Amino acid sequence: MMDFNELLDTLTPEVYANLKRAVELGKWPDGRPLTREQRQLSLQAVIAYEVKHLPEHERSGYIPPKTHSHCGGSGELAGPDAEQPLNWH
């Protein structure tokens, strides 16, 4: 019997696209509704496929990071060792 990871290795871009569309619409291409379990498993497969095959910015739900200006920063993200002045408002 094939486990989840083996199944993911067999997914083609076409199958991925069909699963993603089914999750989005809540139904299979033939119009039959997805059960709750089918939707959950299909979503897990879509996310796992994206992690393995797509760059982060192309994955479902990706939100690009925003620069910040809190803590007196210039709007750029600083490294972990960079000193940041503390501004009290």
PDB file of N, CA and C in Angstrom:
ATOM      1  N   MET A   1       0.844  -1.189   0.000  1.00  0.00           N
ATOM      2  CA  MET A   1       0.000   0.000   0.000  1.00  0.00           C
ATOM      3  C   MET A   1       0.884   1.244   0.000  1.00  0.00           C
ATOM      4  N   MET A   2       0.497   2.235  -0.772  1.00  0.00           N
ATOM      5  CA  MET A   2       1.265   3.463  -0.935  1.00  0.00           C
ATOM      6  C   MET A   2       0.986   4.413   0.223  1.00  0.00           C
ATOM      7  N   ASP A   3       2.053   4.994   0.808  1.00  0.00           N
ATOM      8  CA  ASP A   3       1.834   5.979   1.865  1.00  0.00           C
ATOM      9  C   ASP A   3       1.716   7.377   1.252  1.00  0.00           C
ATOM     10  N   PHE A   4       1.416   8.348   2.090  1.00  0.00           N
ATOM     11  CA  PHE A   4       1.151   9.713   1.632  1.00  0.00           C
ATOM     12  C   PHE A   4       2.341  10.293   0.871  1.00  0.00           C
ATOM     13  N   ASN A   5       3.560  10.110   1.376  1.00  0.00           N
ATOM     14  CA  ASN A   5       4.750  10.659   0.711  1.00  0.00           C
ATOM     15  C   ASN A   5       4.988  10.006  -0.645  1.00  0.00           C
ATOM     16  N   GLU A   6       4.750   8.713  -0.740  1.00  0.00           N
ATOM     17  CA  GLU A   6       4.890   8.037  -2.036  1.00  0.00           C
ATOM     18  C   GLU A   6       3.845   8.562  -3.020  1.00  0.00           C
ATOM     19  N   LEU A   7       2.648   8.795  -2.524  1.00  0.00           N
ATOM     20  CA  LEU A   7       1.598   9.344  -3.373  1.00  0.00           C
ATOM     21  C   LEU A   7       1.996  10.732  -3.885  1.00  0.00           C
ATOM     22  N   LEU A   8       2.554  11.557  -3.010  1.00  0.00           N
ATOM     23  CA  LEU A   8       2.978  12.895  -3.422  1.00  0.00           C
ATOM     24  C   LEU A   8       4.032  12.846  -4.517  1.00  0.00           C
ATOM     25  N   ASP A   9       4.903  11.851  -4.451  1.00  0.00           N
ATOM     26  CA  ASP A   9       5.945  11.711  -5.469  1.00  0.00           C
ATOM     27  C   ASP A   9       5.364  11.396  -6.840  1.00  0.00           C
ATOM     28  N   THR A  10       4.147  10.865  -6.888  1.00  0.00           N
ATOM     29  CA  THR A  10       3.532  10.516  -8.166  1.00  0.00           C
ATOM     30  C   THR A  10       2.660  11.634  -8.737  1.00  0.00           C
ATOM     31  N   LEU A  11       2.423  12.700  -7.972  1.00  0.00           N
ATOM     32  CA  LEU A  11       1.558  13.780  -8.456  1.00  0.00           C
ATOM     33  C   LEU A  11       2.216  14.513  -9.621  1.00  0.00           C
ATOM     34  N   THR A  12       1.453  14.688 -10.670  1.00  0.00           N
ATOM     35  CA  THR A  12       1.904  15.470 -11.818  1.00  0.00           C
ATOM     36  C   THR A  12       1.377  16.900 -11.650  1.00  0.00           C
ATOM     37  N   PRO A  13       1.935  17.845 -12.383  1.00  0.00           N
ATOM     38  CA  PRO A  13       1.396  19.210 -12.320  1.00  0.00           C
ATOM     39  C   PRO A  13      -0.102  19.263 -12.666  1.00  0.00           C
ATOM     40  N   GLU A  14      -0.548  18.412 -13.568  1.00  0.00           N
ATOM     41  CA  GLU A  14      -1.968  18.393 -13.943  1.00  0.00           C
ATOM     42  C   GLU A  14      -2.841  17.907 -12.790  1.00  0.00           C
ATOM     43  N   VAL A  15      -2.405  16.839 -12.130  1.00  0.00           N
ATOM     44  CA  VAL A  15      -3.159  16.321 -10.982  1.00  0.00           C
ATOM     45  C   VAL A  15      -3.177  17.354  -9.857  1.00  0.00           C
ATOM     46  N   TYR A  16      -2.029  17.991  -9.611  1.00  0.00           N
ATOM     47  CA  TYR A  16      -1.955  19.063  -8.604  1.00  0.00           C
ATOM     48  C   TYR A  16      -2.965  20.155  -8.923  1.00  0.00           C
ATOM     49  N   ALA A  17      -2.998  20.601 -10.182  1.00  0.00           N
ATOM     50  CA  ALA A  17      -3.925  21.669 -10.571  1.00  0.00           C
ATOM     51  C   ALA A  17      -5.378  21.242 -10.364  1.00  0.00           C
ATOM     52  N   ASN A  18      -5.692  19.983 -10.683  1.00  0.00           N
ATOM     53  CA  ASN A  18      -7.060  19.482 -10.485  1.00  0.00           C
ATOM     54  C   ASN A  18      -7.419  19.411  -9.004  1.00  0.00           C
ATOM     55  N   LEU A  19      -6.485  18.962  -8.166  1.00  0.00           N
ATOM     56  CA  LEU A  19      -6.743  18.918  -6.724  1.00  0.00           C
ATOM     57  C   LEU A  19      -6.956  20.321  -6.162  1.00  0.00           C
ATOM     58  N   LYS A  20      -6.105  21.243  -6.598  1.00  0.00           N
ATOM     59  CA  LYS A  20      -6.208  22.623  -6.111  1.00  0.00           C
ATOM     60  C   LYS A  20      -7.563  23.225  -6.501  1.00  0.00           C
ATOM     61  N   ARG A  21      -7.955  22.999  -7.723  1.00  0.00           N
ATOM     62  CA  ARG A  21      -9.246  23.520  -8.198  1.00  0.00           C
ATOM     63  C   ARG A  21     -10.400  22.877  -7.426  1.00  0.00           C
ATOM     64  N   ALA A  22     -10.314  21.569  -7.168  1.00  0.00           N
ATOM     65  CA  ALA A  22     -11.361  20.882  -6.416  1.00  0.00           C
ATOM     66  C   ALA A  22     -11.487  21.448  -5.008  1.00  0.00           C
ATOM     67  N   VAL A  23     -10.351  21.730  -4.371  1.00  0.00           N
ATOM     68  CA  VAL A  23     -10.380  22.316  -3.022  1.00  0.00           C
ATOM     69  C   VAL A  23     -11.005  23.711  -3.074  1.00  0.00           C
ATOM     70  N   GLU A  24     -10.624  24.492  -4.084  1.00  0.00           N
ATOM     71  CA  GLU A  24     -11.156  25.854  -4.206  1.00  0.00           C
ATOM     72  C   GLU A  24     -12.668  25.855  -4.401  1.00  0.00           C
ATOM     73  N   LEU A  25     -13.163  24.952  -5.263  1.00  0.00           N
ATOM     74  CA  LEU A  25     -14.584  24.946  -5.599  1.00  0.00           C
ATOM     75  C   LEU A  25     -15.427  24.047  -4.698  1.00  0.00           C
ATOM     76  N   GLY A  26     -14.762  23.107  -4.013  1.00  0.00           N
ATOM     77  CA  GLY A  26     -15.494  22.178  -3.163  1.00  0.00           C
ATOM     78  C   GLY A  26     -16.153  21.056  -3.940  1.00  0.00           C
ATOM     79  N   LYS A  27     -15.735  20.875  -5.186  1.00  0.00           N
ATOM     80  CA  LYS A  27     -16.298  19.791  -5.996  1.00  0.00           C
ATOM     81  C   LYS A  27     -15.267  19.294  -6.994  1.00  0.00           C
ATOM     82  N   TRP A  28     -15.456  18.048  -7.418  1.00  0.00           N
ATOM     83  CA  TRP A  28     -14.590  17.425  -8.402  1.00  0.00           C
ATOM     84  C   TRP A  28     -14.922  17.976  -9.790  1.00  0.00           C
ATOM     85  N   PRO A  29     -14.048  17.772 -10.762  1.00  0.00           N
ATOM     86  CA  PRO A  29     -14.324  18.285 -12.112  1.00  0.00           C
ATOM     87  C   PRO A  29     -15.652  17.789 -12.702  1.00  0.00           C
ATOM     88  N   ASP A  30     -16.134  16.616 -12.267  1.00  0.00           N
ATOM     89  CA  ASP A  30     -17.406  16.115 -12.790  1.00  0.00           C
ATOM     90  C   ASP A  30     -18.617  16.667 -12.031  1.00  0.00           C
ATOM     91  N   GLY A  31     -18.369  17.555 -11.062  1.00  0.00           N
ATOM     92  CA  GLY A  31     -19.460  18.203 -10.344  1.00  0.00           C
ATOM     93  C   GLY A  31     -19.824  17.587  -9.008  1.00  0.00           C
ATOM     94  N   ARG A  32     -19.297  16.380  -8.711  1.00  0.00           N
ATOM     95  CA  ARG A  32     -19.604  15.757  -7.419  1.00  0.00           C
ATOM     96  C   ARG A  32     -18.935  16.543  -6.294  1.00  0.00           C
ATOM     97  N   PRO A  33     -19.638  16.792  -5.196  1.00  0.00           N
ATOM     98  CA  PRO A  33     -19.025  17.532  -4.088  1.00  0.00           C
ATOM     99  C   PRO A  33     -17.958  16.702  -3.379  1.00  0.00           C
ATOM    100  N   LEU A  34     -16.927  17.372  -2.876  1.00  0.00           N
ATOM    101  CA  LEU A  34     -15.913  16.719  -2.057  1.00  0.00           C
ATOM    102  C   LEU A  34     -16.482  16.495  -0.671  1.00  0.00           C
ATOM    103  N   THR A  35     -16.170  15.366  -0.091  1.00  0.00           N
ATOM    104  CA  THR A  35     -16.513  15.160   1.312  1.00  0.00           C
ATOM    105  C   THR A  35     -15.529  15.981   2.137  1.00  0.00           C
ATOM    106  N   ARG A  36     -15.845  16.137   3.394  1.00  0.00           N
ATOM    107  CA  ARG A  36     -14.950  16.879   4.278  1.00  0.00           C
ATOM    108  C   ARG A  36     -13.561  16.236   4.300  1.00  0.00           C
ATOM    109  N   GLU A  37     -13.524  14.906   4.391  1.00  0.00           N
ATOM    110  CA  GLU A  37     -12.240  14.189   4.420  1.00  0.00           C
ATOM    111  C   GLU A  37     -11.478  14.352   3.099  1.00  0.00           C
ATOM    112  N   GLN A  38     -12.189  14.282   1.969  1.00  0.00           N
ATOM    113  CA  GLN A  38     -11.542  14.466   0.670  1.00  0.00           C
ATOM    114  C   GLN A  38     -10.946  15.865   0.551  1.00  0.00           C
ATOM    115  N   ARG A  39     -11.682  16.842   1.041  1.00  0.00           N
ATOM    116  CA  ARG A  39     -11.187  18.219   0.967  1.00  0.00           C
ATOM    117  C   ARG A  39      -9.948  18.391   1.827  1.00  0.00           C
ATOM    118  N   GLN A  40      -9.958  17.818   3.037  1.00  0.00           N
ATOM    119  CA  GLN A  40      -8.804  17.925   3.927  1.00  0.00           C
ATOM    120  C   GLN A  40      -7.578  17.240   3.337  1.00  0.00           C
ATOM    121  N   LEU A  41      -7.763  16.021   2.834  1.00  0.00           N
ATOM    122  CA  LEU A  41      -6.633  15.294   2.249  1.00  0.00           C
ATOM    123  C   LEU A  41      -6.121  15.963   0.975  1.00  0.00           C
ATOM    124  N   SER A  42      -7.037  16.474   0.167  1.00  0.00           N
ATOM    125  CA  SER A  42      -6.629  17.160  -1.055  1.00  0.00           C
ATOM    126  C   SER A  42      -5.855  18.430  -0.732  1.00  0.00           C
ATOM    127  N   LEU A  43      -6.294  19.167   0.272  1.00  0.00           N
ATOM    128  CA  LEU A  43      -5.588  20.368   0.680  1.00  0.00           C
ATOM    129  C   LEU A  43      -4.201  20.033   1.210  1.00  0.00           C
ATOM    130  N   GLN A  44      -4.093  18.973   1.994  1.00  0.00           N
ATOM    131  CA  GLN A  44      -2.783  18.539   2.476  1.00  0.00           C
ATOM    132  C   GLN A  44      -1.869  18.190   1.306  1.00  0.00           C
ATOM    133  N   ALA A  45      -2.405  17.509   0.305  1.00  0.00           N
ATOM    134  CA  ALA A  45      -1.608  17.140  -0.869  1.00  0.00           C
ATOM    135  C   ALA A  45      -1.176  18.376  -1.650  1.00  0.00           C
ATOM    136  N   VAL A  46      -2.070  19.343  -1.804  1.00  0.00           N
ATOM    137  CA  VAL A  46      -1.737  20.580  -2.519  1.00  0.00           C
ATOM    138  C   VAL A  46      -0.610  21.316  -1.799  1.00  0.00           C
ATOM    139  N   ILE A  47      -0.731  21.471  -0.491  1.00  0.00           N
ATOM    140  CA  ILE A  47       0.292  22.177   0.281  1.00  0.00           C
ATOM    141  C   ILE A  47       1.619  21.440   0.214  1.00  0.00           C
ATOM    142  N   ALA A  48       1.599  20.130   0.381  1.00  0.00           N
ATOM    143  CA  ALA A  48       2.843  19.347   0.330  1.00  0.00           C
ATOM    144  C   ALA A  48       3.476  19.422  -1.049  1.00  0.00           C
ATOM    145  N   TYR A  49       2.674  19.363  -2.103  1.00  0.00           N
ATOM    146  CA  TYR A  49       3.193  19.477  -3.473  1.00  0.00           C
ATOM    147  C   TYR A  49       3.865  20.835  -3.663  1.00  0.00           C
ATOM    148  N   GLU A  50       3.214  21.896  -3.201  1.00  0.00           N
ATOM    149  CA  GLU A  50       3.756  23.246  -3.358  1.00  0.00           C
ATOM    150  C   GLU A  50       5.079  23.407  -2.616  1.00  0.00           C
ATOM    151  N   VAL A  51       5.166  22.856  -1.408  1.00  0.00           N
ATOM    152  CA  VAL A  51       6.408  22.943  -0.633  1.00  0.00           C
ATOM    153  C   VAL A  51       7.546  22.259  -1.380  1.00  0.00           C
ATOM    154  N   LYS A  52       7.233  21.152  -2.008  1.00  0.00           N
ATOM    155  CA  LYS A  52       8.262  20.368  -2.696  1.00  0.00           C
ATOM    156  C   LYS A  52       8.635  20.943  -4.066  1.00  0.00           C
ATOM    157  N   HIS A  53       7.672  21.552  -4.784  1.00  0.00           N
ATOM    158  CA  HIS A  53       7.895  21.900  -6.184  1.00  0.00           C
ATOM    159  C   HIS A  53       7.840  23.388  -6.531  1.00  0.00           C
ATOM    160  N   LEU A  54       7.339  24.226  -5.648  1.00  0.00           N
ATOM    161  CA  LEU A  54       7.163  25.641  -5.992  1.00  0.00           C
ATOM    162  C   LEU A  54       7.980  26.536  -5.070  1.00  0.00           C
ATOM    163  N   PRO A  55       8.492  27.655  -5.606  1.00  0.00           N
ATOM    164  CA  PRO A  55       9.142  28.617  -4.717  1.00  0.00           C
ATOM    165  C   PRO A  55       8.101  29.220  -3.768  1.00  0.00           C
ATOM    166  N   GLU A  56       8.579  29.684  -2.643  1.00  0.00           N
ATOM    167  CA  GLU A  56       7.678  30.164  -1.592  1.00  0.00           C
ATOM    168  C   GLU A  56       6.660  31.181  -2.098  1.00  0.00           C
ATOM    169  N   HIS A  57       7.088  32.112  -2.939  1.00  0.00           N
ATOM    170  CA  HIS A  57       6.182  33.177  -3.378  1.00  0.00           C
ATOM    171  C   HIS A  57       5.084  32.697  -4.330  1.00  0.00           C
ATOM    172  N   GLU A  58       5.157  31.452  -4.814  1.00  0.00           N
ATOM    173  CA  GLU A  58       4.123  30.909  -5.694  1.00  0.00           C
ATOM    174  C   GLU A  58       3.169  29.961  -4.973  1.00  0.00           C
ATOM    175  N   ARG A  59       3.360  29.752  -3.683  1.00  0.00           N
ATOM    176  CA  ARG A  59       2.536  28.811  -2.929  1.00  0.00           C
ATOM    177  C   ARG A  59       1.214  29.437  -2.499  1.00  0.00           C
ATOM    178  N   SER A  60       0.217  28.583  -2.323  1.00  0.00           N
ATOM    179  CA  SER A  60      -1.095  29.042  -1.861  1.00  0.00           C
ATOM    180  C   SER A  60      -0.968  29.727  -0.505  1.00  0.00           C
ATOM    181  N   GLY A  61      -1.651  30.843  -0.367  1.00  0.00           N
ATOM    182  CA  GLY A  61      -1.665  31.542   0.912  1.00  0.00           C
ATOM    183  C   GLY A  61      -0.446  32.396   1.190  1.00  0.00           C
ATOM    184  N   TYR A  62       0.480  32.494   0.233  1.00  0.00           N
ATOM    185  CA  TYR A  62       1.700  33.269   0.468  1.00  0.00           C
ATOM    186  C   TYR A  62       1.366  34.747   0.631  1.00  0.00           C
ATOM    187  N   ILE A  63       1.913  35.331   1.659  1.00  0.00           N
ATOM    188  CA  ILE A  63       1.789  36.770   1.893  1.00  0.00           C
ATOM    189  C   ILE A  63       3.207  37.317   1.945  1.00  0.00           C
ATOM    190  N   PRO A  64       3.547  38.217   1.031  1.00  0.00           N
ATOM    191  CA  PRO A  64       4.918  38.727   1.027  1.00  0.00           C
ATOM    192  C   PRO A  64       5.219  39.504   2.305  1.00  0.00           C
ATOM    193  N   PRO A  65       6.457  39.383   2.795  1.00  0.00           N
ATOM    194  CA  PRO A  65       6.808  40.122   4.007  1.00  0.00           C
ATOM    195  C   PRO A  65       6.817  41.617   3.723  1.00  0.00           C
ATOM    196  N   LYS A  66       6.437  42.368   4.714  1.00  0.00           N
ATOM    197  CA  LYS A  66       6.436  43.824   4.586  1.00  0.00           C
ATOM    198  C   LYS A  66       7.582  44.383   5.405  1.00  0.00           C
ATOM    199  N   THR A  67       8.156  45.447   4.905  1.00  0.00           N
ATOM    200  CA  THR A  67       9.178  46.122   5.686  1.00  0.00           C
ATOM    201  C   THR A  67       8.492  46.801   6.858  1.00  0.00           C
ATOM    202  N   HIS A  68       9.252  47.134   7.851  1.00  0.00           N
ATOM    203  CA  HIS A  68       8.662  47.739   9.035  1.00  0.00           C
ATOM    204  C   HIS A  68       9.412  49.012   9.396  1.00  0.00           C
ATOM    205  N   SER A  69       8.770  49.824  10.177  1.00  0.00           N
ATOM    206  CA  SER A  69       9.413  51.048  10.643  1.00  0.00           C
ATOM    207  C   SER A  69       9.325  51.181  12.162  1.00  0.00           C
ATOM    208  N   HIS A  70       8.881  50.113  12.839  1.00  0.00           N
ATOM    209  CA  HIS A  70       8.803  50.180  14.293  1.00  0.00           C
ATOM    210  C   HIS A  70      10.196  50.032  14.897  1.00  0.00           C
ATOM    211  N   CYS A  71      10.329  50.351  16.113  1.00  0.00           N
ATOM    212  CA  CYS A  71      11.604  50.280  16.846  1.00  0.00           C
ATOM    213  C   CYS A  71      12.670  51.174  16.246  1.00  0.00           C
ATOM    214  N   GLY A  72      12.241  52.212  15.547  1.00  0.00           N
ATOM    215  CA  GLY A  72      13.206  53.164  15.011  1.00  0.00           C
ATOM    216  C   GLY A  72      13.934  52.679  13.786  1.00  0.00           C
ATOM    217  N   GLY A  73      13.509  51.571  13.213  1.00  0.00           N
ATOM    218  CA  GLY A  73      14.163  51.051  12.016  1.00  0.00           C
ATOM    219  C   GLY A  73      13.906  51.939  10.821  1.00  0.00           C
ATOM    220  N   SER A  74      14.703  51.774   9.795  1.00  0.00           N
ATOM    221  CA  SER A  74      14.568  52.592   8.597  1.00  0.00           C
ATOM    222  C   SER A  74      13.591  51.982   7.607  1.00  0.00           C
ATOM    223  N   GLY A  75      12.891  50.940   8.018  1.00  0.00           N
ATOM    224  CA  GLY A  75      11.974  50.283   7.111  1.00  0.00           C
ATOM    225  C   GLY A  75      12.558  49.014   6.535  1.00  0.00           C
ATOM    226  N   GLU A  76      13.810  48.757   6.787  1.00  0.00           N
ATOM    227  CA  GLU A  76      14.450  47.547   6.301  1.00  0.00           C
ATOM    228  C   GLU A  76      14.518  46.533   7.432  1.00  0.00           C
ATOM    229  N   LEU A  77      14.432  45.290   7.085  1.00  0.00           N
ATOM    230  CA  LEU A  77      14.581  44.247   8.089  1.00  0.00           C
ATOM    231  C   LEU A  77      16.057  44.133   8.430  1.00  0.00           C
ATOM    232  N   ALA A  78      16.383  44.166   9.684  1.00  0.00           N
ATOM    233  CA  ALA A  78      17.772  44.120  10.123  1.00  0.00           C
ATOM    234  C   ALA A  78      18.144  42.707  10.515  1.00  0.00           C
ATOM    235  N   GLY A  79      19.436  42.444  10.517  1.00  0.00           N
ATOM    236  CA  GLY A  79      19.928  41.140  10.936  1.00  0.00           C
ATOM    237  C   GLY A  79      19.751  40.969  12.428  1.00  0.00           C
ATOM    238  N   PRO A  80      19.923  39.748  12.930  1.00  0.00           N
ATOM    239  CA  PRO A  80      19.677  39.478  14.349  1.00  0.00           C
ATOM    240  C   PRO A  80      20.645  40.187  15.286  1.00  0.00           C
ATOM    241  N   ASP A  81      21.835  40.564  14.797  1.00  0.00           N
ATOM    242  CA  ASP A  81      22.822  41.212  15.652  1.00  0.00           C
ATOM    243  C   ASP A  81      22.850  42.730  15.492  1.00  0.00           C
ATOM    244  N   ALA A  82      22.007  43.265  14.616  1.00  0.00           N
ATOM    245  CA  ALA A  82      22.022  44.708  14.375  1.00  0.00           C
ATOM    246  C   ALA A  82      21.407  45.434  15.581  1.00  0.00           C
ATOM    247  N   GLU A  83      22.044  46.515  15.982  1.00  0.00           N
ATOM    248  CA  GLU A  83      21.510  47.320  17.092  1.00  0.00           C
ATOM    249  C   GLU A  83      20.376  48.180  16.572  1.00  0.00           C
ATOM    250  N   GLN A  84      19.317  48.236  17.336  1.00  0.00           N
ATOM    251  CA  GLN A  84      18.153  49.042  16.997  1.00  0.00           C
ATOM    252  C   GLN A  84      17.854  49.942  18.187  1.00  0.00           C
ATOM    253  N   PRO A  85      17.789  51.265  17.966  1.00  0.00           N
ATOM    254  CA  PRO A  85      17.413  52.140  19.078  1.00  0.00           C
ATOM    255  C   PRO A  85      15.961  51.892  19.455  1.00  0.00           C
ATOM    256  N   LEU A  86      15.678  52.009  20.728  1.00  0.00           N
ATOM    257  CA  LEU A  86      14.339  51.809  21.236  1.00  0.00           C
ATOM    258  C   LEU A  86      13.628  53.153  21.298  1.00  0.00           C
ATOM    259  N   ASN A  87      12.514  53.281  20.633  1.00  0.00           N
ATOM    260  CA  ASN A  87      11.718  54.514  20.633  1.00  0.00           C
ATOM    261  C   ASN A  87      10.470  54.283  21.445  1.00  0.00           C
ATOM    262  N   TRP A  88      10.240  55.111  22.466  1.00  0.00           N
ATOM    263  CA  TRP A  88       9.033  55.019  23.269  1.00  0.00           C
ATOM    264  C   TRP A  88       8.041  56.031  22.750  1.00  0.00           C
ATOM    265  N   HIS A  89       6.868  55.593  22.457  1.00  0.00           N
ATOM    266  CA  HIS A  89       5.827  56.497  21.932  1.00  0.00           C
ATOM    267  C   HIS A  89       4.788  56.744  22.975  1.00  0.00           C
TER     268      HIS A  89
END
